[in-house]
N, C-alpha and C. Protein backbone atom coordinates (compact mmCIF):
# COMPACT_ATOMS: atom_id res chain seq x y z
N MET A 1 30.61 34.71 -22.31
CA MET A 1 32.07 34.60 -22.51
C MET A 1 32.89 35.81 -22.31
N ILE A 2 32.18 36.90 -22.77
CA ILE A 2 32.75 38.28 -22.53
C ILE A 2 32.77 38.62 -21.05
N ILE A 3 31.71 38.32 -20.35
CA ILE A 3 31.56 38.51 -18.94
C ILE A 3 32.67 37.74 -18.11
N VAL A 4 32.98 36.57 -18.50
CA VAL A 4 33.98 35.65 -17.94
C VAL A 4 35.35 36.24 -18.16
N ALA A 5 35.63 36.61 -19.40
CA ALA A 5 36.92 37.14 -19.81
C ALA A 5 37.11 38.54 -18.91
N ALA A 6 36.13 39.37 -18.84
CA ALA A 6 36.23 40.55 -18.03
C ALA A 6 36.45 40.35 -16.66
N PHE A 7 35.86 39.33 -16.11
CA PHE A 7 35.98 38.98 -14.67
C PHE A 7 37.53 38.50 -14.46
N LEU A 8 38.00 37.58 -15.33
CA LEU A 8 39.31 36.99 -15.23
C LEU A 8 40.33 38.15 -15.24
N LEU A 9 40.15 38.99 -16.28
CA LEU A 9 41.15 40.15 -16.50
C LEU A 9 41.14 41.12 -15.30
N CYS A 10 39.97 41.38 -14.67
CA CYS A 10 39.82 42.23 -13.53
C CYS A 10 40.58 41.53 -12.34
N ALA A 11 40.25 40.26 -12.23
CA ALA A 11 40.83 39.54 -11.11
C ALA A 11 42.46 39.56 -11.22
N ALA A 12 42.92 39.32 -12.47
CA ALA A 12 44.42 39.35 -12.61
C ALA A 12 45.07 40.71 -12.42
N LEU A 13 44.40 41.67 -12.77
CA LEU A 13 44.89 43.15 -12.53
C LEU A 13 44.93 43.39 -11.03
N LEU A 14 43.84 42.98 -10.39
CA LEU A 14 43.63 43.20 -8.83
C LEU A 14 44.78 42.33 -8.08
N ALA A 15 44.92 41.15 -8.59
CA ALA A 15 46.04 40.23 -7.97
C ALA A 15 47.36 40.90 -8.18
N ALA A 16 47.67 41.41 -9.33
CA ALA A 16 48.90 42.08 -9.59
C ALA A 16 49.14 43.35 -8.73
N GLY A 17 47.96 43.90 -8.41
CA GLY A 17 48.03 45.08 -7.55
C GLY A 17 48.05 44.73 -6.06
N LYS A 18 48.28 43.55 -5.74
CA LYS A 18 48.34 43.14 -4.37
C LYS A 18 47.07 43.19 -3.48
N ASN A 19 45.92 43.16 -4.20
CA ASN A 19 44.63 43.02 -3.56
C ASN A 19 44.58 41.70 -2.68
N PRO A 20 44.13 41.71 -1.42
CA PRO A 20 44.13 40.47 -0.66
C PRO A 20 42.91 39.48 -1.23
N ARG A 21 42.04 40.08 -1.81
CA ARG A 21 40.77 39.31 -2.21
C ARG A 21 40.42 39.72 -3.71
N PRO A 22 41.35 39.35 -4.69
CA PRO A 22 41.02 39.77 -6.03
C PRO A 22 39.81 39.24 -6.67
N PHE A 23 39.41 37.91 -6.41
CA PHE A 23 38.29 37.39 -7.09
C PHE A 23 36.93 38.11 -6.51
N ALA A 24 36.89 38.31 -5.17
CA ALA A 24 35.69 39.01 -4.66
C ALA A 24 35.55 40.40 -5.10
N ALA A 25 36.64 41.11 -5.23
CA ALA A 25 36.58 42.49 -5.77
C ALA A 25 36.26 42.59 -7.19
N ALA A 26 36.85 41.59 -8.07
CA ALA A 26 36.44 41.55 -9.37
C ALA A 26 34.99 41.13 -9.60
N ALA A 27 34.40 40.32 -8.83
CA ALA A 27 33.06 39.91 -8.89
C ALA A 27 32.19 41.12 -8.54
N GLY A 28 32.55 41.81 -7.59
CA GLY A 28 31.77 42.99 -7.19
C GLY A 28 31.81 44.10 -8.35
N SER A 29 32.83 44.25 -8.92
CA SER A 29 32.99 45.26 -10.05
C SER A 29 32.06 44.72 -11.24
N VAL A 30 32.17 43.61 -11.60
CA VAL A 30 31.44 43.13 -12.67
C VAL A 30 30.01 43.09 -12.52
N VAL A 31 29.54 42.69 -11.21
CA VAL A 31 28.20 42.81 -10.87
C VAL A 31 27.66 44.20 -10.88
N ALA A 32 28.38 45.10 -10.31
CA ALA A 32 27.98 46.55 -10.11
C ALA A 32 27.94 47.14 -11.54
N GLY A 33 28.77 46.83 -12.44
CA GLY A 33 28.77 47.40 -13.80
C GLY A 33 27.52 46.88 -14.55
N LEU A 34 27.24 45.56 -14.56
CA LEU A 34 26.17 45.04 -15.25
C LEU A 34 24.83 45.49 -14.67
N ALA A 35 24.80 45.70 -13.30
CA ALA A 35 23.54 46.13 -12.71
C ALA A 35 23.32 47.65 -13.05
N ALA A 36 24.44 48.45 -13.21
CA ALA A 36 24.22 49.84 -13.80
C ALA A 36 23.74 49.96 -15.21
N LEU A 37 24.45 49.00 -16.09
CA LEU A 37 23.91 48.88 -17.47
C LEU A 37 22.38 48.48 -17.54
N LEU A 38 22.07 47.52 -16.66
CA LEU A 38 20.64 47.13 -16.58
C LEU A 38 19.69 48.19 -16.14
N ALA A 39 20.18 48.96 -15.09
CA ALA A 39 19.35 50.12 -14.65
C ALA A 39 19.16 51.22 -15.78
N VAL A 40 20.15 51.40 -16.51
CA VAL A 40 20.10 52.33 -17.61
C VAL A 40 19.18 51.92 -18.73
N SER A 41 19.27 50.65 -18.99
CA SER A 41 18.41 50.10 -20.06
C SER A 41 16.84 50.05 -19.56
N LEU A 42 16.73 49.77 -18.27
CA LEU A 42 15.28 49.66 -17.83
C LEU A 42 14.64 51.07 -17.58
N THR A 43 15.49 52.24 -17.25
CA THR A 43 14.98 53.38 -17.12
C THR A 43 14.99 54.27 -18.35
N GLY A 44 15.48 53.67 -19.44
CA GLY A 44 15.63 54.44 -20.79
C GLY A 44 14.38 54.91 -21.24
N SER A 45 13.26 54.36 -21.08
CA SER A 45 12.02 54.89 -21.53
C SER A 45 11.42 56.11 -20.80
N PHE A 46 11.92 56.12 -19.61
CA PHE A 46 11.44 57.22 -18.70
C PHE A 46 12.32 58.53 -18.84
N THR A 47 13.70 58.17 -18.99
CA THR A 47 14.67 59.31 -18.99
C THR A 47 14.99 59.68 -20.36
N GLY A 48 14.76 58.74 -21.34
CA GLY A 48 15.20 59.18 -22.82
C GLY A 48 16.58 58.86 -23.02
N VAL A 49 17.34 58.31 -21.96
CA VAL A 49 18.81 57.97 -22.23
C VAL A 49 18.81 56.53 -22.20
N SER A 50 19.39 56.03 -23.41
CA SER A 50 19.63 54.50 -23.31
C SER A 50 20.96 54.08 -24.02
N LEU A 51 21.41 52.80 -23.72
CA LEU A 51 22.48 52.26 -24.27
C LEU A 51 22.06 50.94 -24.96
N PRO A 52 22.57 50.68 -26.17
CA PRO A 52 22.28 49.37 -26.75
C PRO A 52 22.89 48.28 -26.01
N ILE A 53 22.32 47.18 -26.01
CA ILE A 53 22.82 45.89 -25.35
C ILE A 53 23.64 45.16 -26.45
N CYS A 54 24.87 45.39 -26.46
CA CYS A 54 25.74 44.58 -27.57
C CYS A 54 26.94 44.16 -26.80
N PRO A 55 27.78 43.41 -27.54
CA PRO A 55 29.07 42.91 -26.80
C PRO A 55 30.00 43.91 -26.28
N VAL A 56 30.00 45.11 -26.98
CA VAL A 56 30.87 46.15 -26.60
C VAL A 56 30.48 46.80 -25.15
N THR A 57 29.18 47.07 -25.26
CA THR A 57 28.66 47.64 -23.93
C THR A 57 28.75 46.70 -22.76
N VAL A 58 28.34 45.46 -23.01
CA VAL A 58 28.45 44.57 -21.96
C VAL A 58 29.86 44.25 -21.40
N GLY A 59 30.78 44.25 -22.40
CA GLY A 59 32.27 44.06 -22.11
C GLY A 59 32.74 45.20 -21.28
N ALA A 60 32.45 46.47 -21.72
CA ALA A 60 32.84 47.72 -20.98
C ALA A 60 32.30 47.83 -19.63
N SER A 61 30.98 47.41 -19.56
CA SER A 61 30.32 47.41 -18.19
C SER A 61 30.81 46.45 -17.32
N ALA A 62 31.09 45.27 -17.76
CA ALA A 62 31.81 44.20 -16.97
C ALA A 62 33.17 44.47 -16.62
N PHE A 63 33.94 44.96 -17.50
CA PHE A 63 35.37 45.18 -17.17
C PHE A 63 35.63 46.39 -16.32
N LEU A 64 34.91 47.53 -16.68
CA LEU A 64 35.18 48.91 -16.11
C LEU A 64 34.15 49.19 -14.93
N GLY A 65 33.11 48.42 -14.83
CA GLY A 65 32.17 48.71 -13.81
C GLY A 65 31.26 49.92 -13.96
N ILE A 66 30.87 50.52 -12.89
CA ILE A 66 30.04 51.77 -13.03
C ILE A 66 30.87 52.86 -13.79
N PRO A 67 32.05 53.18 -13.55
CA PRO A 67 32.89 54.18 -14.34
C PRO A 67 32.73 53.96 -15.85
N GLY A 68 32.60 52.63 -16.21
CA GLY A 68 32.52 52.23 -17.64
C GLY A 68 31.11 52.58 -18.22
N VAL A 69 30.13 52.39 -17.40
CA VAL A 69 28.74 52.74 -17.90
C VAL A 69 28.70 54.15 -17.98
N THR A 70 29.26 54.97 -17.08
CA THR A 70 29.18 56.43 -17.12
C THR A 70 30.06 56.96 -18.33
N THR A 71 31.05 56.27 -18.66
CA THR A 71 31.79 56.77 -19.86
C THR A 71 31.11 56.40 -21.10
N LEU A 72 30.41 55.30 -21.15
CA LEU A 72 29.59 54.89 -22.34
C LEU A 72 28.40 55.96 -22.51
N LEU A 73 27.75 56.36 -21.38
CA LEU A 73 26.70 57.33 -21.46
C LEU A 73 27.30 58.67 -21.94
N LEU A 74 28.38 59.12 -21.55
CA LEU A 74 28.95 60.41 -21.98
C LEU A 74 29.42 60.30 -23.35
N LEU A 75 29.97 59.16 -23.86
CA LEU A 75 30.22 58.96 -25.26
C LEU A 75 29.08 58.96 -26.03
N ASN A 76 27.97 58.36 -25.69
CA ASN A 76 26.67 58.41 -26.34
C ASN A 76 26.16 59.80 -26.46
N LEU A 77 26.33 60.63 -25.40
CA LEU A 77 25.88 62.07 -25.40
C LEU A 77 26.70 62.77 -26.32
N ILE A 78 27.91 62.58 -26.44
CA ILE A 78 28.87 63.43 -27.27
C ILE A 78 28.63 63.08 -28.75
N PHE A 79 28.61 61.80 -29.09
CA PHE A 79 28.61 61.44 -30.49
C PHE A 79 27.16 61.28 -31.10
N LEU A 80 26.11 61.54 -30.30
CA LEU A 80 24.82 61.43 -30.86
C LEU A 80 24.00 62.77 -30.78
C-alpha cells in the first residue's frame, strides 16, 4: 500500500510538472528506488552498510528513488 501511494504521488507531481508520460516516469523512479534499497540490503553483509526494511525506508525509497536511498544511507551514517 505504501508503494502504491508513493507511485500515485510521484505520478501526480510529474503530471503537475507537465511531464508527457507521468506514469512511466513514476514507475521508473519507484522501481529504481526499490532496486537500490534491495541492492543495499543484499550487499550489507559484505560492505557493513545496511538499512532496515521497514515502512519508512520502503516509502522513502519508493517515493524519492535513488536519491532517497542515498539520503537514508547518509542519515544512517550521521546518526549511528
